[in-house]
Protein backbone atom coordinates (compact mmCIF):
# COMPACT_ATOMS: atom_id res chain seq x y z
CA UNK A 1 -11.83 -36.81 -8.96
CA UNK A 2 -12.05 -38.04 -12.55
CA UNK A 3 -10.36 -36.42 -15.53
CA UNK A 4 -13.48 -34.58 -16.70
CA UNK A 5 -14.08 -33.03 -13.29
CA UNK A 6 -10.42 -31.96 -13.12
CA UNK A 7 -10.71 -30.29 -16.52
CA UNK A 8 -13.82 -28.40 -15.43
CA UNK A 9 -11.97 -27.30 -12.30
CA UNK A 10 -9.09 -25.98 -14.41
CA UNK A 11 -11.53 -24.01 -16.53
CA UNK A 12 -13.20 -22.60 -13.40
CA UNK A 13 -9.82 -21.49 -12.00
CA UNK A 14 -8.95 -19.62 -15.16
CA UNK A 15 -12.37 -17.96 -15.24
CA UNK A 16 -11.78 -16.76 -11.67
CA UNK A 17 -8.35 -15.40 -12.61
CA UNK A 18 -9.83 -13.69 -15.67
CA UNK A 19 -11.98 -11.59 -13.37
CA UNK A 20 -9.05 -10.27 -11.35
CA UNK A 21 -8.19 -7.55 -13.89
CA UNK A 22 -11.64 -5.95 -13.73
CA UNK A 23 -11.77 -6.41 -9.95
CA UNK A 24 -8.37 -4.78 -9.55
CA UNK A 25 -9.27 -1.88 -11.82
CA UNK A 26 -12.46 -1.26 -9.84
CA UNK A 27 -10.64 -1.35 -6.49
CA UNK A 28 -7.97 1.06 -7.75
CA UNK A 29 -10.60 3.77 -8.24
CA UNK A 30 -10.39 4.49 -4.51
CA UNK A 31 -7.37 2.53 -3.22
CA UNK A 32 -3.69 2.98 -3.96
CA UNK A 33 -1.78 -0.10 -5.20
CA UNK A 34 -0.17 -0.46 -1.74
CA UNK A 35 -3.52 -0.27 0.05
CA UNK A 36 -5.07 -2.75 -2.37
CA UNK A 37 -2.27 -5.27 -1.96
CA UNK A 38 -2.22 -4.86 1.83
CA UNK A 39 -5.96 -5.53 2.10
CA UNK A 40 -5.90 -8.37 -0.44
CA UNK A 41 -3.00 -10.26 1.09
CA UNK A 42 -4.17 -9.73 4.67
CA UNK A 43 -7.44 -11.48 3.81
CA UNK A 44 -5.65 -14.16 1.79
CA UNK A 45 -3.14 -14.74 4.60
CA UNK A 46 -5.98 -15.55 7.00
CA UNK A 47 -7.22 -18.19 4.54
CA UNK A 48 -3.78 -19.74 4.07
CA UNK A 49 -2.92 -19.86 7.78
CA UNK A 50 -4.67 -23.21 8.48
CA UNK A 51 -2.54 -24.89 5.79
CA UNK A 52 0.64 -23.46 7.28
CA UNK A 53 -0.40 -24.44 10.79
CA UNK A 54 -0.71 -28.09 9.74
CA UNK A 55 2.56 -28.13 7.81
CA UNK A 56 6.10 -28.68 8.99
CA UNK A 57 7.77 -25.88 7.09
CA UNK A 58 11.55 -25.87 7.44
CA UNK A 59 12.52 -22.49 8.90
CA UNK A 60 16.28 -22.83 8.62
CA UNK A 61 18.26 -19.77 7.61
CA UNK A 62 18.78 -21.02 4.07
CA UNK A 63 15.09 -21.83 3.62
CA UNK A 64 13.99 -18.47 4.97
CA UNK A 65 16.34 -16.73 2.54
CA UNK A 66 14.90 -18.68 -0.42
CA UNK A 67 11.35 -17.86 0.67
CA UNK A 68 12.31 -14.21 1.04
CA UNK A 69 13.49 -14.12 -2.59
CA UNK A 70 10.28 -15.81 -3.74
CA UNK A 71 8.22 -13.35 -1.74
CA UNK A 72 10.14 -10.39 -3.18
CA UNK A 73 9.72 -11.41 -6.83
CA UNK A 74 6.27 -13.02 -6.64
CA UNK A 75 4.32 -10.86 -4.22
CA UNK A 76 6.14 -7.56 -3.80
CA UNK A 77 7.93 -6.42 -6.98
CA UNK A 78 5.46 -8.25 -9.21
CA UNK A 79 2.32 -6.93 -7.53
CA UNK A 80 3.72 -3.42 -7.13
CA UNK A 81 4.40 -3.21 -10.87
CA UNK A 82 1.18 -5.01 -11.86
CA UNK A 83 -1.27 -2.89 -9.90
CA UNK A 84 0.57 0.39 -10.46
CA UNK A 85 0.49 -0.48 -14.16
CA UNK A 86 -3.19 -1.44 -13.99
CA UNK A 87 -3.97 1.94 -12.40
CA UNK A 88 -2.43 3.64 -15.45
CA UNK A 89 -3.60 1.41 -18.30
CA UNK A 90 -6.72 -0.55 -19.19
CA UNK A 91 -7.90 -3.88 -17.80
CA UNK A 92 -8.06 -5.25 -21.36
CA UNK A 93 -4.41 -4.37 -22.06
CA UNK A 94 -3.45 -6.04 -18.78
CA UNK A 95 -5.43 -9.21 -19.54
CA UNK A 96 -3.78 -9.56 -22.95
CA UNK A 97 -0.25 -8.76 -21.77
CA UNK A 98 -0.47 -11.13 -18.79
CA UNK A 99 -0.79 -14.00 -21.28
CA UNK A 100 2.85 -13.44 -22.24
CA UNK A 101 4.04 -14.48 -18.78
CA UNK A 102 4.76 -18.02 -19.96
CA UNK A 103 7.22 -16.65 -22.50
CA UNK A 104 9.24 -14.90 -19.79
CA UNK A 105 9.09 -18.05 -17.69
CA UNK A 106 10.46 -20.19 -20.51
CA UNK A 107 13.26 -17.66 -21.04
CA UNK A 108 14.24 -17.50 -17.35
CA UNK A 109 13.93 -21.28 -17.14
CA UNK A 110 16.69 -21.40 -19.73
CA UNK A 111 18.83 -18.69 -18.10
CA UNK A 112 18.47 -19.78 -14.45
CA UNK A 113 17.83 -23.53 -14.63
CA UNK A 114 19.46 -24.41 -17.93
CA UNK A 115 16.21 -25.86 -19.30
CA UNK A 116 16.00 -26.72 -22.97
CA UNK A 117 14.84 -23.95 -25.30
CA UNK A 118 14.01 -25.43 -28.70
CA UNK A 119 12.98 -23.90 -31.98
CA UNK A 120 9.30 -23.94 -31.04
CA UNK A 121 10.08 -21.91 -27.92
CA UNK A 122 12.07 -19.35 -29.89
CA UNK A 123 9.29 -19.05 -32.48
CA UNK A 124 6.65 -18.72 -29.77
CA UNK A 125 8.68 -16.05 -27.97
CA UNK A 126 9.12 -14.11 -31.20
CA UNK A 127 5.40 -14.09 -31.93
CA UNK A 128 4.54 -13.07 -28.37
CA UNK A 129 7.09 -10.24 -28.36
CA UNK A 130 5.52 -8.89 -31.56
CA UNK A 131 2.11 -9.19 -29.93
CA UNK A 132 3.24 -7.32 -26.82
CA UNK A 133 4.61 -4.53 -29.02
CA UNK A 134 1.30 -4.21 -30.88
CA UNK A 135 -0.70 -4.07 -27.65
CA UNK A 136 1.54 -1.41 -26.12
CA UNK A 137 1.98 0.76 -29.23
CA UNK A 138 -1.51 0.11 -30.68
CA UNK A 139 0.11 -0.42 -34.07
CA UNK A 140 3.41 -0.94 -35.87
CA UNK A 141 4.60 2.65 -35.53
CA UNK A 142 8.01 3.36 -33.94
CA UNK A 143 8.00 3.61 -30.13
CA UNK A 144 6.63 6.89 -28.77
CA UNK A 145 5.28 8.32 -25.54
CA UNK A 146 2.27 10.08 -27.10
CA UNK A 147 -0.15 7.74 -25.35
CA UNK A 148 1.14 8.96 -21.99
CA UNK A 149 0.28 7.00 -18.90
CA UNK A 150 -1.24 4.05 -20.78
CA UNK A 151 2.12 3.14 -22.33
CA UNK A 152 3.84 3.51 -18.96
CA UNK A 153 1.18 1.29 -17.43
CA UNK A 154 1.66 -1.35 -20.12
CA UNK A 155 5.42 -1.30 -19.59
CA UNK A 156 4.94 -1.79 -15.85
CA UNK A 157 2.73 -4.81 -16.61
CA UNK A 158 5.56 -6.26 -18.72
CA UNK A 159 7.97 -5.62 -15.82
CA UNK A 160 5.54 -7.45 -13.53
CA UNK A 161 5.55 -10.41 -15.92
CA UNK A 162 9.33 -10.62 -15.79
CA UNK A 163 9.27 -10.54 -11.97
CA UNK A 164 6.54 -13.20 -11.84
CA UNK A 165 8.55 -15.37 -14.22
CA UNK A 166 11.57 -15.28 -11.90
CA UNK A 167 9.25 -16.28 -9.04
CA UNK A 168 7.87 -19.19 -11.06
CA UNK A 169 11.28 -20.52 -12.02
CA UNK A 170 12.71 -20.23 -8.50
CA UNK A 171 9.49 -21.56 -7.00
CA UNK A 172 9.60 -24.69 -9.14
CA UNK A 173 12.57 -25.98 -7.18
CA UNK A 174 11.23 -24.77 -3.83
CA UNK A 175 7.88 -26.48 -4.32
CA UNK A 176 9.70 -29.81 -4.54
CA UNK A 177 10.69 -29.41 -0.86
CA UNK A 178 7.23 -28.45 0.48
CA UNK A 179 3.64 -28.48 -0.82
CA UNK A 180 3.12 -25.64 -3.27
CA UNK A 181 0.17 -24.29 -1.29
CA UNK A 182 2.39 -23.98 1.79
CA UNK A 183 5.11 -22.13 -0.13
CA UNK A 184 2.58 -19.73 -1.62
CA UNK A 185 0.88 -19.16 1.73
CA UNK A 186 4.22 -18.36 3.35
CA UNK A 187 5.02 -15.86 0.59
CA UNK A 188 1.61 -14.22 0.87
CA UNK A 189 2.08 -13.74 4.61
CA UNK A 190 5.68 -12.60 4.18
CA UNK A 191 4.67 -9.93 1.67
CA UNK A 192 2.72 -8.15 4.41
CA UNK A 193 6.05 -7.05 5.88
CA UNK A 194 6.18 -4.65 2.92
CA UNK A 195 2.52 -4.01 2.12
CA UNK A 196 1.24 -3.11 5.60
CA UNK A 197 3.85 -0.37 6.25
CA UNK A 198 3.43 0.89 2.66
CA UNK A 199 -0.34 1.15 3.08
CA UNK A 200 0.09 2.84 6.47
CA UNK A 201 2.41 5.41 4.87
CA UNK A 202 -0.25 6.11 2.22
CA UNK A 203 -2.84 6.69 4.93
CA UNK A 204 -0.47 8.93 6.91
CA UNK A 205 0.09 11.14 3.86
CA UNK A 206 -3.34 11.12 2.17
CA UNK A 207 -5.71 10.01 4.91
CA UNK A 208 -8.03 7.02 4.86
CA UNK A 209 -9.47 6.27 1.43
CA UNK A 210 -13.24 6.41 1.01
CA UNK A 211 -14.93 3.06 1.46
CA UNK A 212 -16.91 2.08 -1.64
CA UNK A 213 -18.86 -1.03 -2.51
CA UNK A 214 -16.88 -1.47 -5.74
CA UNK A 215 -13.49 -1.29 -4.03
CA UNK A 216 -14.58 -3.62 -1.22
CA UNK A 217 -15.94 -6.15 -3.71
CA UNK A 218 -12.76 -5.90 -5.79
CA UNK A 219 -10.49 -6.56 -2.80
CA UNK A 220 -12.68 -9.44 -1.62
CA UNK A 221 -12.68 -11.02 -5.08
CA UNK A 222 -8.91 -10.69 -5.44
CA UNK A 223 -8.26 -12.22 -2.02
CA UNK A 224 -10.79 -15.04 -1.95
CA UNK A 225 -11.24 -15.93 -5.63
CA UNK A 226 -8.02 -14.81 -7.32
CA UNK A 227 -5.50 -15.63 -4.60
CA UNK A 228 -7.05 -18.48 -2.60
CA UNK A 229 -9.82 -20.47 -4.32
CA UNK A 230 -8.39 -20.42 -7.84
CA UNK A 231 -4.94 -21.38 -6.61
CA UNK A 232 -6.19 -24.28 -4.50
CA UNK A 233 -8.39 -25.51 -7.32
CA UNK A 234 -5.49 -25.40 -9.75
CA UNK A 235 -3.25 -27.41 -7.43
CA UNK A 236 -5.96 -30.03 -6.83
CA UNK A 237 -6.73 -30.37 -10.54
CA UNK A 238 -3.07 -30.81 -11.50
CA UNK A 239 -2.98 -33.94 -9.33
CA UNK A 240 -5.42 -35.58 -11.74
CA UNK A 241 -4.36 -34.27 -15.17
CA UNK A 242 -1.03 -33.47 -16.78
CA UNK A 243 0.25 -30.25 -18.31
CA UNK A 244 -1.01 -31.26 -21.74
CA UNK A 245 -4.55 -30.81 -20.46
CA UNK A 246 -3.85 -27.82 -18.21
CA UNK A 247 -1.93 -25.61 -20.66
CA UNK A 248 -4.76 -24.86 -23.16
CA UNK A 249 -7.09 -23.72 -20.37
CA UNK A 250 -4.70 -20.82 -19.64
CA UNK A 251 -5.87 -19.14 -22.84
CA UNK A 252 -9.21 -18.42 -21.17
CA UNK A 253 -7.60 -15.76 -18.96
CA UNK A 254 -6.77 -13.16 -21.64
CA UNK A 255 -9.87 -13.89 -23.69
CA UNK A 256 -12.42 -13.77 -20.85
CA UNK A 257 -10.49 -11.02 -19.04
CA UNK A 258 -10.67 -8.79 -22.12
CA UNK A 259 -14.35 -9.59 -22.66
CA UNK A 260 -15.15 -8.66 -19.04
CA UNK A 261 -13.27 -5.37 -19.43
CA UNK A 262 -15.39 -4.53 -22.45
CA UNK A 263 -18.71 -5.59 -20.91
CA UNK A 264 -18.25 -4.30 -17.34
CA UNK A 265 -15.91 -1.33 -17.76
CA UNK A 266 -16.90 -0.22 -21.25
CA UNK A 267 -13.32 -0.39 -22.53
CA UNK A 268 -12.66 -0.26 -26.26
CA UNK A 269 -9.67 -1.29 -28.34
CA UNK A 270 -8.68 -1.27 -31.98
CA UNK A 271 -7.51 -3.85 -34.52
CA UNK A 272 -3.86 -3.57 -33.45
CA UNK A 273 -4.75 -4.62 -29.89
CA UNK A 274 -6.75 -7.58 -31.21
CA UNK A 275 -3.88 -8.61 -33.51
CA UNK A 276 -1.42 -8.28 -30.65
CA UNK A 277 -3.58 -10.46 -28.42
CA UNK A 278 -3.82 -13.11 -31.12
CA UNK A 279 -0.02 -13.15 -31.55
CA UNK A 280 0.56 -13.42 -27.80
CA UNK A 281 -1.87 -16.33 -27.48
CA UNK A 282 -0.44 -18.03 -30.58
CA UNK A 283 3.06 -17.73 -29.14
CA UNK A 284 1.99 -19.23 -25.82
CA UNK A 285 0.18 -22.05 -27.65
CA UNK A 286 3.35 -22.92 -29.59
CA UNK A 287 5.42 -23.00 -26.39
CA UNK A 288 2.82 -24.89 -24.36
CA UNK A 289 2.38 -27.64 -26.97
CA UNK A 290 6.01 -28.72 -26.63
CA UNK A 291 6.90 -32.09 -25.09
CA UNK A 292 5.95 -32.35 -21.40
CA UNK A 293 9.49 -31.98 -20.05
CA UNK A 294 9.97 -28.61 -21.71
CA UNK A 295 6.57 -27.28 -20.74
CA UNK A 296 6.13 -27.88 -17.00
CA UNK A 297 7.55 -24.61 -15.75
CA UNK A 298 5.47 -22.64 -18.26
CA UNK A 299 2.25 -24.12 -16.90
CA UNK A 300 3.45 -23.51 -13.34
CA UNK A 301 3.82 -19.84 -14.18
CA UNK A 302 0.11 -19.16 -13.95
CA UNK A 303 -0.72 -20.52 -10.52
CA UNK A 304 -0.04 -17.43 -8.41
CA UNK A 305 -2.30 -14.88 -10.01
């Protein structure tokens, strides 16, 4: 694969991830977050199984414990907060806030791995924090709960970002021991230990959810496109280009994700949301244009959407 083809593949991956917010919102019209995640990861697990079958994954006690932590932060706590938040807020808010994940990853990279955090990182974090505040509060007014469930949903999305950032930082070291696709596949399968019983409990209490075309399409898209195809494409492309090329393509996710929410779901937002999105993207751009050594974990943050 040449460099141009790899760049096009990176763009395609981010376009697929951009659609996950609308797909998730559509599926949540009839499914609970637990049911959605159980269905999504069951389908994705079946797709990852051939990779795991061909691998020689170390299943020692220490390795299993590390994978359990990755699974907890990356596919249980993160997805519980993300899709519960998405059920309460808008897909456009989610798309814009998700862009701030790299900021959390840079911060936890410093706290957990002792990675360098220069002035550009601090400036980028500051801009993104301001942007997150504008998106959540829809302005520069003092914090309030007048917006009800939307604010709670936005805050859960931010909590999901923090959990995903811990996963990314811990996963960076784990991926050096095994192929990243194998680590992710193992975590996807492991998460079913939580999601299948949780979904069964939902059904026991509320009965089976109605089957709709929108929900089925949303789950299928999340499993095949958002969890499997986009991830594999990202890993393949990164073998042919460096983070300098990959990082700018991440900006497509919030931009296209927000556009899809407007076009397909009819969502609307005001100037404060637009300004917040611009600040978040500007902050990520500042962090991602650092020297390669300081940027690798930030780029890695986006490969498990």
